[in-house]
Protein backbone atom coordinates (compact mmCIF):
# COMPACT_ATOMS: atom_id res chain seq x y z
CA UNK A 1 138.41 -27.60 207.93
CA UNK A 2 137.33 -25.69 204.82
CA UNK A 3 133.64 -25.64 203.97
CA UNK A 4 132.92 -27.78 200.92
CA UNK A 5 131.46 -26.13 197.84
CA UNK A 6 128.99 -29.03 197.37
CA UNK A 7 127.16 -31.47 199.58
CA UNK A 8 127.27 -35.10 198.49
CA UNK A 9 123.48 -35.53 198.59
CA UNK A 10 122.55 -33.04 195.84
CA UNK A 11 123.32 -33.10 192.13
CA UNK A 12 125.15 -29.87 191.29
CA UNK A 13 127.57 -28.58 188.67
CA UNK A 14 130.27 -25.93 188.43
CA UNK A 15 132.93 -24.66 186.07
CA UNK A 16 136.06 -25.92 187.84
CA UNK A 17 138.25 -23.34 186.11
CA UNK A 18 136.11 -20.65 187.77
CA UNK A 19 135.94 -22.42 191.17
CA UNK A 20 139.65 -21.84 191.87
CA UNK A 21 141.07 -19.04 189.70
CA UNK A 22 144.78 -18.70 188.90
CA UNK A 23 146.47 -16.15 191.18
CA UNK A 24 149.93 -14.95 190.07
CA UNK A 25 152.66 -16.56 192.20
CA UNK A 26 150.23 -18.60 194.29
CA UNK A 27 148.41 -21.89 194.70
CA UNK A 28 144.65 -21.66 195.23
CA UNK A 29 142.66 -24.62 196.57
CA UNK A 30 138.92 -25.06 196.91
CA UNK A 31 137.27 -28.03 198.62
CA UNK A 32 134.51 -29.36 196.40
CA UNK A 33 133.28 -32.33 198.50
CA UNK A 34 134.31 -33.39 202.00
CA UNK A 35 132.67 -36.52 203.38
CA UNK A 36 133.89 -39.41 205.54
CA UNK A 37 134.72 -41.45 202.43
CA UNK A 38 135.69 -38.84 199.85
CA UNK A 39 137.47 -35.52 199.69
CA UNK A 40 137.67 -33.65 196.38
CA UNK A 41 139.81 -30.53 196.08
CA UNK A 42 140.52 -28.42 193.02
CA UNK A 43 143.93 -26.71 192.89
CA UNK A 44 144.89 -23.79 190.66
CA UNK A 45 148.62 -23.21 190.37
CA UNK A 46 150.43 -20.41 188.62
CA UNK A 47 153.34 -21.36 186.34
CA UNK A 48 156.39 -22.47 188.33
CA UNK A 49 154.44 -23.37 191.50
CA UNK A 50 154.77 -26.79 193.13
CA UNK A 51 153.19 -28.80 195.91
CA UNK A 52 155.50 -30.65 198.30
CA UNK A 53 155.36 -34.42 198.49
CA UNK A 54 152.73 -35.55 200.95
CA UNK A 55 150.49 -38.50 201.85
CA UNK A 56 146.72 -38.68 202.09
CA UNK A 57 144.36 -41.31 203.53
CA UNK A 58 142.45 -41.46 200.22
CA UNK A 59 143.27 -42.55 196.69
CA UNK A 60 144.35 -39.50 194.71
CA UNK A 61 143.60 -38.74 191.06
CA UNK A 62 144.83 -35.81 189.00
CA UNK A 63 142.96 -34.14 186.14
CA UNK A 64 144.70 -31.28 184.32
CA UNK A 65 142.04 -28.85 183.10
CA UNK A 66 144.34 -26.31 181.47
CA UNK A 67 148.10 -26.12 180.96
CA UNK A 68 150.69 -28.78 181.83
CA UNK A 69 151.72 -30.63 184.98
CA UNK A 70 155.03 -32.29 185.72
CA UNK A 71 155.49 -34.97 188.36
CA UNK A 72 159.02 -34.96 189.71
């Protein structure tokens, strides 16, 4: 399991665009928080990249920080 960037007990901040930079032709992911009740991951995807359909045990939300995202 990837080490989380933050622990859930401390107030911290980060520039999410810097946490997972765009890499040409790739998808970059960085775990921000990973606790028993919450997992937060930031993804950076180059143009044309996609993530396959999958299921997770948590509610998922999506926030687009830059660019566009299409759900298919």
